[in-house]
């Protein structure tokens, strides 16, 4: 996903669009599922990695627009009412992870086109978490949690060799624009 975003960043810059404008044209869409902690880490790792890409381009990092959608693979056909709980967990994780927008699949989607009640439940799942659980009022709900820091470090590679050229990201976006970067070792990339 990030490789595609960098490809688009290169293409937009080659078309004469400034990097600052080009990065505003790129957004991300991730799936959210019932693996609550992994979903939170996935969303926050994406934001951290995109921040590294922006820094390697010489830009001041700004939050990327990240949207979420609940996953089809969690939908149960035989017991659709439990899909409401699955969607609630996924929406909660996406919201805590920092998603800017969330699309909730109706709980009867595995049966075909949902009726108005299923669509209303999908819409209200978000509203209940925002208004009743006050998720939107907390700046950083994961601040200070030990598992969060460890899981984000695990999800973010220590180096983005193909993008930044080095660990400190001192190279300008020339490496992003041309695709050139120095080879740094062989084999599997190391992770944090």
N, C-alpha and C. Protein backbone atom coordinates (compact mmCIF):
# COMPACT_ATOMS: atom_id res chain seq x y z
N UNK A 1 0.81 -1.18 0.00
CA UNK A 1 0.00 0.00 0.00
C UNK A 1 0.86 1.26 0.00
N UNK A 2 1.87 1.29 0.85
CA UNK A 2 2.75 2.45 0.88
C UNK A 2 3.56 2.57 -0.40
N UNK A 3 3.93 1.44 -0.99
CA UNK A 3 4.66 1.48 -2.25
C UNK A 3 3.81 2.11 -3.35
N UNK A 4 2.53 1.79 -3.36
CA UNK A 4 1.62 2.39 -4.34
C UNK A 4 1.49 3.88 -4.07
N UNK A 5 1.40 4.28 -2.82
CA UNK A 5 1.30 5.69 -2.48
C UNK A 5 2.55 6.44 -2.92
N UNK A 6 3.72 5.84 -2.74
CA UNK A 6 4.95 6.48 -3.18
C UNK A 6 4.98 6.55 -4.71
N UNK A 7 4.49 5.51 -5.38
CA UNK A 7 4.40 5.53 -6.85
C UNK A 7 3.54 6.71 -7.31
N UNK A 8 2.39 6.90 -6.67
CA UNK A 8 1.53 8.03 -7.03
C UNK A 8 2.18 9.36 -6.69
N UNK A 9 2.90 9.41 -5.60
CA UNK A 9 3.61 10.63 -5.24
C UNK A 9 4.64 10.98 -6.31
N UNK A 10 5.37 9.97 -6.77
CA UNK A 10 6.34 10.18 -7.86
C UNK A 10 5.65 10.63 -9.13
N UNK A 11 4.55 9.98 -9.48
CA UNK A 11 3.84 10.30 -10.73
C UNK A 11 3.28 11.72 -10.68
N UNK A 12 2.72 12.10 -9.55
CA UNK A 12 2.17 13.45 -9.43
C UNK A 12 3.27 14.50 -9.50
N UNK A 13 4.40 14.21 -8.87
CA UNK A 13 5.51 15.16 -8.93
C UNK A 13 6.06 15.26 -10.35
N UNK A 14 6.13 14.12 -11.05
CA UNK A 14 6.60 14.13 -12.44
C UNK A 14 5.64 14.90 -13.34
N UNK A 15 4.36 14.95 -12.98
CA UNK A 15 3.36 15.68 -13.76
C UNK A 15 3.38 17.18 -13.45
N UNK A 16 4.28 17.61 -12.57
CA UNK A 16 4.42 19.03 -12.28
C UNK A 16 3.67 19.51 -11.05
N UNK A 17 3.13 18.61 -10.28
CA UNK A 17 2.42 18.98 -9.06
C UNK A 17 3.43 19.00 -7.91
N UNK A 18 3.40 20.03 -7.11
CA UNK A 18 4.34 20.11 -5.99
C UNK A 18 4.08 18.96 -5.02
N UNK A 19 5.13 18.57 -4.31
CA UNK A 19 4.99 17.48 -3.35
C UNK A 19 3.97 17.80 -2.26
N UNK A 20 3.94 19.06 -1.86
CA UNK A 20 3.00 19.45 -0.82
C UNK A 20 1.55 19.26 -1.28
N UNK A 21 1.27 19.61 -2.53
CA UNK A 21 -0.07 19.40 -3.08
C UNK A 21 -0.33 17.93 -3.37
N UNK A 22 0.70 17.23 -3.84
CA UNK A 22 0.55 15.82 -4.21
C UNK A 22 0.20 14.96 -3.00
N UNK A 23 0.81 15.23 -1.86
CA UNK A 23 0.52 14.40 -0.69
C UNK A 23 -0.90 14.59 -0.19
N UNK A 24 -1.49 15.75 -0.47
CA UNK A 24 -2.89 15.98 -0.07
C UNK A 24 -3.87 15.23 -0.96
N UNK A 25 -3.40 14.77 -2.11
CA UNK A 25 -4.25 14.02 -3.03
C UNK A 25 -4.26 12.53 -2.74
N UNK A 26 -3.43 12.11 -1.82
CA UNK A 26 -3.30 10.69 -1.50
C UNK A 26 -4.00 10.40 -0.18
N UNK A 27 -4.80 9.35 -0.17
CA UNK A 27 -5.42 8.91 1.07
C UNK A 27 -5.34 7.39 1.13
N UNK A 28 -5.60 6.85 2.30
CA UNK A 28 -5.47 5.42 2.53
C UNK A 28 -6.79 4.84 3.01
N UNK A 29 -7.03 3.59 2.62
CA UNK A 29 -8.22 2.87 3.09
C UNK A 29 -7.77 1.51 3.60
N UNK A 30 -8.05 1.25 4.85
CA UNK A 30 -7.68 -0.01 5.49
C UNK A 30 -8.93 -0.74 5.96
N UNK A 31 -8.81 -2.04 6.14
CA UNK A 31 -9.91 -2.80 6.71
C UNK A 31 -9.74 -2.88 8.22
N UNK A 32 -10.86 -2.90 8.89
CA UNK A 32 -10.88 -3.05 10.35
C UNK A 32 -11.63 -4.34 10.66
N UNK A 33 -11.07 -5.14 11.55
CA UNK A 33 -11.72 -6.40 11.89
C UNK A 33 -11.79 -6.60 13.39
N UNK A 34 -12.12 -7.80 13.82
CA UNK A 34 -12.30 -8.06 15.24
C UNK A 34 -11.00 -8.26 16.00
N UNK A 35 -9.89 -8.30 15.31
CA UNK A 35 -8.58 -8.34 15.99
C UNK A 35 -8.29 -6.91 16.45
N UNK A 36 -8.88 -6.54 17.56
CA UNK A 36 -8.89 -5.16 18.02
C UNK A 36 -7.50 -4.55 18.13
N UNK A 37 -6.60 -5.20 18.83
CA UNK A 37 -5.29 -4.61 19.05
C UNK A 37 -4.46 -4.55 17.78
N UNK A 38 -4.57 -5.56 16.94
CA UNK A 38 -3.85 -5.54 15.67
C UNK A 38 -4.39 -4.46 14.74
N UNK A 39 -5.69 -4.26 14.77
CA UNK A 39 -6.29 -3.21 13.94
C UNK A 39 -5.81 -1.84 14.39
N UNK A 40 -5.79 -1.60 15.68
CA UNK A 40 -5.30 -0.32 16.20
C UNK A 40 -3.84 -0.12 15.78
N UNK A 41 -3.01 -1.14 15.96
CA UNK A 41 -1.59 -1.04 15.60
C UNK A 41 -1.42 -0.82 14.11
N UNK A 42 -2.24 -1.47 13.29
CA UNK A 42 -2.15 -1.32 11.83
C UNK A 42 -2.41 0.12 11.41
N UNK A 43 -3.44 0.73 11.96
CA UNK A 43 -3.77 2.11 11.60
C UNK A 43 -2.70 3.08 12.06
N UNK A 44 -2.20 2.89 13.26
CA UNK A 44 -1.19 3.82 13.76
C UNK A 44 0.16 3.59 13.10
N UNK A 45 0.46 2.35 12.74
CA UNK A 45 1.71 2.08 12.02
C UNK A 45 1.69 2.73 10.64
N UNK A 46 0.54 2.69 9.97
CA UNK A 46 0.43 3.35 8.67
C UNK A 46 0.72 4.84 8.80
N UNK A 47 0.17 5.45 9.81
CA UNK A 47 0.41 6.89 10.00
C UNK A 47 1.89 7.17 10.27
N UNK A 48 2.53 6.35 11.08
CA UNK A 48 3.96 6.56 11.37
C UNK A 48 4.82 6.36 10.13
N UNK A 49 4.52 5.34 9.35
CA UNK A 49 5.30 5.09 8.14
C UNK A 49 5.10 6.19 7.11
N UNK A 50 3.88 6.68 6.96
CA UNK A 50 3.64 7.77 6.02
C UNK A 50 4.36 9.03 6.49
N UNK A 51 4.42 9.24 7.80
CA UNK A 51 5.16 10.38 8.33
C UNK A 51 6.64 10.27 7.96
N UNK A 52 7.21 9.07 8.04
CA UNK A 52 8.61 8.87 7.64
C UNK A 52 8.80 9.18 6.16
N UNK A 53 7.86 8.78 5.34
CA UNK A 53 7.95 9.05 3.90
C UNK A 53 7.93 10.55 3.66
N UNK A 54 7.02 11.25 4.33
CA UNK A 54 6.95 12.71 4.17
C UNK A 54 8.26 13.37 4.62
N UNK A 55 8.82 12.92 5.73
CA UNK A 55 10.08 13.48 6.20
C UNK A 55 11.20 13.21 5.21
N UNK A 56 11.22 12.03 4.60
CA UNK A 56 12.27 11.72 3.63
C UNK A 56 12.14 12.56 2.38
N UNK A 57 10.96 13.10 2.13
CA UNK A 57 10.74 13.99 0.99
C UNK A 57 11.04 15.44 1.33
N UNK A 58 11.41 15.70 2.57
CA UNK A 58 11.70 17.06 2.99
C UNK A 58 10.45 17.86 3.34
N UNK A 59 9.34 17.17 3.55
CA UNK A 59 8.09 17.83 3.89
C UNK A 59 7.88 17.81 5.41
N UNK A 60 7.17 18.80 5.89
CA UNK A 60 6.76 18.77 7.29
C UNK A 60 5.59 17.80 7.37
N UNK A 61 5.70 16.75 8.18
CA UNK A 61 4.63 15.74 8.22
C UNK A 61 3.27 16.32 8.62
N UNK A 62 2.27 15.90 7.88
CA UNK A 62 0.88 16.21 8.19
C UNK A 62 0.11 14.90 8.20
N UNK A 63 -0.90 14.78 9.03
CA UNK A 63 -1.64 13.53 9.08
C UNK A 63 -2.29 13.21 7.73
N UNK A 64 -2.13 11.99 7.29
CA UNK A 64 -2.78 11.53 6.07
C UNK A 64 -4.24 11.22 6.38
N UNK A 65 -5.09 11.29 5.36
CA UNK A 65 -6.49 10.90 5.54
C UNK A 65 -6.56 9.39 5.44
N UNK A 66 -7.04 8.75 6.49
CA UNK A 66 -7.13 7.30 6.54
C UNK A 66 -8.58 6.91 6.78
N UNK A 67 -9.14 6.13 5.88
CA UNK A 67 -10.50 5.64 6.08
C UNK A 67 -10.47 4.14 6.37
N UNK A 68 -11.53 3.67 6.96
CA UNK A 68 -11.62 2.26 7.35
C UNK A 68 -12.93 1.67 6.84
N UNK A 69 -12.91 0.38 6.65
CA UNK A 69 -14.13 -0.36 6.32
C UNK A 69 -14.10 -1.67 7.08
N UNK A 70 -15.22 -2.03 7.66
CA UNK A 70 -15.28 -3.32 8.34
C UNK A 70 -15.15 -4.43 7.31
N UNK A 71 -14.60 -5.56 7.70
CA UNK A 71 -14.25 -6.60 6.74
C UNK A 71 -15.40 -7.56 6.46
N UNK A 72 -15.41 -8.02 5.23
CA UNK A 72 -16.37 -9.04 4.81
C UNK A 72 -16.06 -10.38 5.46
N UNK A 73 -14.78 -10.66 5.65
CA UNK A 73 -14.40 -11.98 6.15
C UNK A 73 -14.91 -12.26 7.56
N UNK A 74 -15.29 -11.22 8.29
CA UNK A 74 -15.83 -11.41 9.63
C UNK A 74 -17.34 -11.62 9.65
N UNK A 75 -17.96 -11.49 8.50
CA UNK A 75 -19.41 -11.63 8.43
C UNK A 75 -19.82 -13.10 8.53
N UNK A 76 -20.73 -13.39 9.44
CA UNK A 76 -21.27 -14.75 9.59
C UNK A 76 -22.62 -14.81 8.90
N UNK A 77 -22.79 -15.78 8.05
CA UNK A 77 -24.05 -15.93 7.33
C UNK A 77 -25.11 -16.59 8.21
N UNK A 78 -24.73 -17.57 9.01
CA UNK A 78 -25.69 -18.35 9.79
C UNK A 78 -26.18 -17.64 11.04
N UNK A 79 -25.40 -16.72 11.57
CA UNK A 79 -25.78 -16.01 12.79
C UNK A 79 -25.50 -14.52 12.60
N UNK A 80 -26.32 -13.84 11.80
CA UNK A 80 -25.99 -12.46 11.43
C UNK A 80 -26.03 -11.46 12.59
N UNK A 81 -26.78 -11.75 13.65
CA UNK A 81 -26.85 -10.79 14.76
C UNK A 81 -25.50 -10.61 15.44
N UNK A 82 -24.67 -11.63 15.43
CA UNK A 82 -23.33 -11.47 16.03
C UNK A 82 -22.45 -10.55 15.18
N UNK A 83 -22.84 -10.33 13.93
CA UNK A 83 -22.09 -9.41 13.08
C UNK A 83 -22.17 -7.98 13.62
N UNK A 84 -23.22 -7.67 14.36
CA UNK A 84 -23.33 -6.34 14.98
C UNK A 84 -22.18 -6.16 15.98
N UNK A 85 -21.92 -7.18 16.78
CA UNK A 85 -20.81 -7.10 17.75
C UNK A 85 -19.47 -7.04 17.05
N UNK A 86 -19.31 -7.84 16.01
CA UNK A 86 -18.05 -7.81 15.26
C UNK A 86 -17.80 -6.43 14.66
N UNK A 87 -18.84 -5.85 14.08
CA UNK A 87 -18.70 -4.51 13.49
C UNK A 87 -18.39 -3.47 14.56
N UNK A 88 -18.98 -3.61 15.74
CA UNK A 88 -18.73 -2.66 16.81
C UNK A 88 -17.27 -2.71 17.25
N UNK A 89 -16.74 -3.91 17.39
CA UNK A 89 -15.32 -4.05 17.75
C UNK A 89 -14.43 -3.44 16.68
N UNK A 90 -14.74 -3.70 15.42
CA UNK A 90 -13.93 -3.18 14.31
C UNK A 90 -13.99 -1.65 14.25
N UNK A 91 -15.18 -1.09 14.43
CA UNK A 91 -15.32 0.37 14.40
C UNK A 91 -14.58 1.00 15.58
N UNK A 92 -14.69 0.39 16.74
CA UNK A 92 -13.97 0.88 17.92
C UNK A 92 -12.47 0.89 17.65
N UNK A 93 -11.94 -0.23 17.14
CA UNK A 93 -10.50 -0.33 16.88
C UNK A 93 -10.05 0.68 15.84
N UNK A 94 -10.84 0.85 14.78
CA UNK A 94 -10.47 1.83 13.75
C UNK A 94 -10.48 3.25 14.32
N UNK A 95 -11.48 3.55 15.13
CA UNK A 95 -11.55 4.88 15.73
C UNK A 95 -10.40 5.15 16.68
N UNK A 96 -10.08 4.18 17.53
CA UNK A 96 -8.96 4.33 18.45
C UNK A 96 -7.64 4.40 17.68
N UNK A 97 -7.56 3.65 16.58
CA UNK A 97 -6.36 3.66 15.76
C UNK A 97 -6.14 4.95 14.99
N UNK A 98 -7.18 5.77 14.89
CA UNK A 98 -7.03 7.07 14.25
C UNK A 98 -7.66 7.19 12.88
N UNK A 99 -8.62 6.35 12.55
CA UNK A 99 -9.29 6.46 11.25
C UNK A 99 -10.08 7.77 11.19
N UNK A 100 -10.02 8.43 10.05
CA UNK A 100 -10.75 9.68 9.86
C UNK A 100 -12.20 9.42 9.46
N UNK A 101 -12.44 8.31 8.79
CA UNK A 101 -13.79 7.94 8.36
C UNK A 101 -13.91 6.42 8.45
N UNK A 102 -15.09 5.94 8.80
CA UNK A 102 -15.32 4.51 8.93
C UNK A 102 -16.59 4.13 8.18
N UNK A 103 -16.49 3.11 7.35
CA UNK A 103 -17.65 2.55 6.68
C UNK A 103 -17.98 1.22 7.34
N UNK A 104 -19.20 1.10 7.83
CA UNK A 104 -19.62 -0.12 8.51
C UNK A 104 -20.52 -0.91 7.57
N UNK A 105 -20.14 -2.15 7.32
CA UNK A 105 -20.99 -3.01 6.50
C UNK A 105 -22.20 -3.44 7.33
N UNK A 106 -23.39 -3.43 6.74
CA UNK A 106 -24.58 -3.86 7.47
C UNK A 106 -24.46 -5.32 7.90
N UNK A 107 -25.03 -5.63 9.04
CA UNK A 107 -24.85 -6.96 9.62
C UNK A 107 -25.46 -8.08 8.79
N UNK A 108 -26.37 -7.76 7.89
CA UNK A 108 -26.97 -8.78 7.03
C UNK A 108 -26.34 -8.82 5.65
N UNK A 109 -25.22 -8.19 5.46
CA UNK A 109 -24.59 -8.10 4.14
C UNK A 109 -24.26 -9.48 3.56
N UNK A 110 -24.01 -10.46 4.41
CA UNK A 110 -23.69 -11.81 3.92
C UNK A 110 -24.90 -12.47 3.25
N UNK A 111 -26.09 -11.92 3.48
CA UNK A 111 -27.31 -12.47 2.87
C UNK A 111 -27.70 -11.74 1.60
N UNK A 112 -26.98 -10.74 1.21
CA UNK A 112 -27.33 -9.96 0.02
C UNK A 112 -27.57 -8.50 0.39
N UNK A 113 -28.42 -7.84 -0.36
CA UNK A 113 -28.69 -6.43 -0.11
C UNK A 113 -29.34 -6.26 1.27
N UNK A 114 -28.81 -5.36 2.07
CA UNK A 114 -29.36 -5.18 3.42
C UNK A 114 -30.66 -4.37 3.38
N UNK A 115 -31.50 -4.61 4.36
CA UNK A 115 -32.73 -3.83 4.48
C UNK A 115 -32.44 -2.53 5.23
N UNK A 116 -33.45 -1.71 5.37
CA UNK A 116 -33.25 -0.40 6.01
C UNK A 116 -32.84 -0.53 7.48
N UNK A 117 -33.34 -1.55 8.17
CA UNK A 117 -32.96 -1.74 9.57
C UNK A 117 -31.47 -2.05 9.70
N UNK A 118 -30.96 -2.93 8.85
CA UNK A 118 -29.53 -3.28 8.89
C UNK A 118 -28.66 -2.08 8.56
N UNK A 119 -29.08 -1.26 7.62
CA UNK A 119 -28.32 -0.05 7.28
C UNK A 119 -28.35 0.94 8.44
N UNK A 120 -29.49 1.04 9.12
CA UNK A 120 -29.61 1.95 10.26
C UNK A 120 -28.72 1.50 11.41
N UNK A 121 -28.67 0.19 11.66
CA UNK A 121 -27.80 -0.34 12.71
C UNK A 121 -26.33 -0.04 12.37
N UNK A 122 -25.96 -0.19 11.10
CA UNK A 122 -24.58 0.10 10.69
C UNK A 122 -24.24 1.57 10.95
N UNK A 123 -25.16 2.46 10.60
CA UNK A 123 -24.92 3.89 10.84
C UNK A 123 -24.87 4.18 12.33
N UNK A 124 -25.79 3.61 13.09
CA UNK A 124 -25.87 3.91 14.52
C UNK A 124 -24.72 3.32 15.32
N UNK A 125 -24.06 2.29 14.80
CA UNK A 125 -22.89 1.73 15.49
C UNK A 125 -21.84 2.81 15.67
N UNK A 126 -21.59 3.57 14.64
CA UNK A 126 -20.61 4.65 14.72
C UNK A 126 -21.09 5.75 15.67
N UNK A 127 -22.36 6.11 15.54
CA UNK A 127 -22.89 7.20 16.35
C UNK A 127 -22.87 6.89 17.83
N UNK A 128 -23.20 5.65 18.19
CA UNK A 128 -23.18 5.26 19.61
C UNK A 128 -21.75 5.36 20.16
N UNK A 129 -20.77 4.89 19.38
CA UNK A 129 -19.39 4.96 19.86
C UNK A 129 -18.90 6.39 19.96
N UNK A 130 -19.33 7.25 19.06
CA UNK A 130 -18.90 8.65 19.10
C UNK A 130 -19.61 9.41 20.22
N UNK A 131 -20.94 9.29 20.27
CA UNK A 131 -21.72 10.10 21.20
C UNK A 131 -21.82 9.50 22.60
N UNK A 132 -22.01 8.20 22.69
CA UNK A 132 -22.22 7.59 24.00
C UNK A 132 -20.91 7.17 24.67
N UNK A 133 -19.98 6.62 23.88
CA UNK A 133 -18.70 6.19 24.45
C UNK A 133 -17.67 7.31 24.42
N UNK A 134 -18.00 8.43 23.77
CA UNK A 134 -17.14 9.63 23.72
C UNK A 134 -15.77 9.36 23.10
N UNK A 135 -15.72 8.49 22.11
CA UNK A 135 -14.44 8.20 21.47
C UNK A 135 -13.84 9.43 20.79
N UNK A 136 -14.68 10.29 20.28
CA UNK A 136 -14.18 11.46 19.55
C UNK A 136 -13.63 12.54 20.47
N UNK A 137 -13.85 12.42 21.76
CA UNK A 137 -13.42 13.47 22.70
C UNK A 137 -12.04 13.23 23.29
N UNK A 138 -11.48 12.07 23.06
CA UNK A 138 -10.17 11.73 23.63
C UNK A 138 -9.11 11.95 22.55
N UNK A 139 -8.09 12.74 22.86
CA UNK A 139 -7.06 13.03 21.87
C UNK A 139 -6.25 11.80 21.49
N UNK A 140 -5.68 11.13 22.47
CA UNK A 140 -4.87 9.94 22.19
C UNK A 140 -5.21 8.88 23.23
N UNK A 141 -6.21 8.05 22.93
CA UNK A 141 -6.63 7.06 23.92
C UNK A 141 -5.59 5.99 24.20
N UNK A 142 -4.60 5.83 23.34
CA UNK A 142 -3.59 4.80 23.54
C UNK A 142 -2.34 5.32 24.23
N UNK A 143 -2.31 6.58 24.58
CA UNK A 143 -1.13 7.16 25.21
C UNK A 143 -0.81 6.43 26.51
N UNK A 144 0.43 6.01 26.63
CA UNK A 144 0.90 5.40 27.85
C UNK A 144 0.69 3.90 27.97
N UNK A 145 0.06 3.29 26.99
CA UNK A 145 -0.14 1.84 27.07
C UNK A 145 1.10 1.14 26.53
N UNK A 146 1.60 0.21 27.27
CA UNK A 146 2.83 -0.48 26.89
C UNK A 146 2.67 -1.35 25.65
N UNK A 147 1.55 -2.06 25.53
CA UNK A 147 1.39 -2.94 24.37
C UNK A 147 1.32 -2.15 23.09
N UNK A 148 0.77 -0.93 23.16
CA UNK A 148 0.62 -0.10 21.98
C UNK A 148 1.97 0.27 21.38
N UNK A 149 2.87 0.73 22.21
CA UNK A 149 4.20 1.12 21.74
C UNK A 149 4.93 -0.08 21.15
N UNK A 150 4.86 -1.20 21.81
CA UNK A 150 5.54 -2.40 21.32
C UNK A 150 4.94 -2.90 20.02
N UNK A 151 3.63 -2.92 19.91
CA UNK A 151 3.01 -3.43 18.68
C UNK A 151 3.23 -2.49 17.51
N UNK A 152 3.27 -1.19 17.75
CA UNK A 152 3.55 -0.25 16.66
C UNK A 152 5.00 -0.38 16.20
N UNK A 153 5.91 -0.56 17.15
CA UNK A 153 7.32 -0.75 16.75
C UNK A 153 7.46 -2.02 15.94
N UNK A 154 6.72 -3.04 16.30
CA UNK A 154 6.78 -4.30 15.57
C UNK A 154 6.20 -4.16 14.17
N UNK A 155 5.15 -3.36 14.04
CA UNK A 155 4.48 -3.20 12.75
C UNK A 155 5.24 -2.27 11.81
N UNK A 156 6.04 -1.37 12.35
CA UNK A 156 6.80 -0.42 11.52
C UNK A 156 8.21 -0.94 11.31
N UNK A 157 8.60 -1.16 10.06
CA UNK A 157 9.99 -1.55 9.82
C UNK A 157 10.93 -0.43 10.25
N UNK A 158 12.10 -0.83 10.70
CA UNK A 158 13.06 0.16 11.15
C UNK A 158 13.54 1.04 10.00
N UNK A 159 13.60 0.47 8.83
CA UNK A 159 14.08 1.23 7.68
C UNK A 159 13.07 1.16 6.55
N UNK A 160 12.94 2.25 5.85
CA UNK A 160 12.20 2.28 4.60
C UNK A 160 13.22 2.50 3.50
N UNK A 161 13.95 1.46 3.17
CA UNK A 161 15.08 1.58 2.27
C UNK A 161 14.66 2.16 0.93
N UNK A 162 13.60 1.67 0.37
CA UNK A 162 13.19 2.09 -0.98
C UNK A 162 12.69 3.52 -1.00
N UNK A 163 12.36 4.07 0.13
CA UNK A 163 11.80 5.41 0.15
C UNK A 163 12.80 6.44 0.65
N UNK A 164 13.37 6.21 1.82
CA UNK A 164 14.16 7.26 2.43
C UNK A 164 15.64 7.18 2.08
N UNK A 165 16.13 6.01 1.75
CA UNK A 165 17.55 5.91 1.41
C UNK A 165 18.43 5.69 2.61
N UNK A 166 18.04 6.16 3.77
CA UNK A 166 18.80 5.90 4.97
C UNK A 166 17.90 6.01 6.19
N UNK A 167 18.40 5.64 7.34
CA UNK A 167 17.58 5.61 8.54
C UNK A 167 17.10 6.98 8.98
N UNK A 168 17.94 7.96 8.87
CA UNK A 168 17.60 9.27 9.40
C UNK A 168 16.74 10.07 8.43
N UNK A 169 16.54 9.58 7.22
CA UNK A 169 15.68 10.27 6.28
C UNK A 169 16.25 11.59 5.81
N UNK A 170 17.59 11.70 5.79
CA UNK A 170 18.20 12.96 5.39
C UNK A 170 18.14 13.21 3.90
N UNK A 171 17.99 12.15 3.13
CA UNK A 171 17.90 12.34 1.69
C UNK A 171 16.62 13.03 1.33
N UNK A 172 16.70 13.91 0.38
CA UNK A 172 15.51 14.61 -0.06
C UNK A 172 14.69 13.69 -0.94
N UNK A 173 13.65 14.22 -1.48
CA UNK A 173 12.72 13.41 -2.23
C UNK A 173 13.26 13.00 -3.59
N UNK A 174 14.51 13.29 -3.89
CA UNK A 174 15.10 12.82 -5.13
C UNK A 174 15.02 11.32 -5.24
N UNK A 175 15.22 10.63 -4.12
CA UNK A 175 15.12 9.18 -4.15
C UNK A 175 13.68 8.74 -4.38
N UNK A 176 12.73 9.51 -3.92
CA UNK A 176 11.33 9.18 -4.17
C UNK A 176 10.97 9.50 -5.60
N UNK A 177 11.44 10.65 -6.09
CA UNK A 177 11.07 11.07 -7.44
C UNK A 177 11.68 10.17 -8.51
N UNK A 178 12.92 9.73 -8.31
CA UNK A 178 13.58 8.94 -9.34
C UNK A 178 13.50 7.46 -9.10
N UNK A 179 13.21 7.08 -7.89
CA UNK A 179 13.18 5.65 -7.56
C UNK A 179 14.56 5.11 -7.25
N UNK A 180 15.57 5.97 -7.27
CA UNK A 180 16.93 5.50 -6.98
C UNK A 180 17.16 5.51 -5.49
N UNK A 181 17.86 4.51 -5.04
CA UNK A 181 18.23 4.45 -3.63
C UNK A 181 19.41 3.50 -3.50
N UNK A 182 20.27 3.76 -2.53
CA UNK A 182 21.41 2.86 -2.35
C UNK A 182 20.96 1.52 -1.79
N UNK A 183 21.62 0.47 -2.21
CA UNK A 183 21.32 -0.86 -1.67
C UNK A 183 21.90 -0.93 -0.27
N UNK A 184 21.12 -1.39 0.65
CA UNK A 184 21.59 -1.51 2.03
C UNK A 184 21.42 -2.94 2.49
N UNK A 185 22.35 -3.75 2.14
CA UNK A 185 22.29 -5.14 2.58
C UNK A 185 21.47 -6.01 1.66
N UNK A 186 21.48 -7.28 1.93
CA UNK A 186 20.74 -8.23 1.12
C UNK A 186 19.85 -9.07 2.02
N UNK A 187 18.93 -9.78 1.41
CA UNK A 187 18.08 -10.67 2.18
C UNK A 187 16.88 -9.95 2.77
N UNK A 188 16.38 -10.51 3.85
CA UNK A 188 15.17 -9.95 4.48
C UNK A 188 15.46 -8.64 5.16
N UNK A 189 14.50 -7.70 5.10
CA UNK A 189 14.69 -6.45 5.85
C UNK A 189 14.57 -6.70 7.34
N UNK A 190 15.30 -5.96 8.11
CA UNK A 190 15.21 -6.08 9.56
C UNK A 190 14.02 -5.29 10.05
N UNK A 191 13.41 -5.78 11.11
CA UNK A 191 12.29 -5.10 11.72
C UNK A 191 12.64 -4.72 13.14
N UNK A 192 11.95 -3.72 13.64
CA UNK A 192 12.21 -3.23 15.00
C UNK A 192 11.97 -4.29 16.03
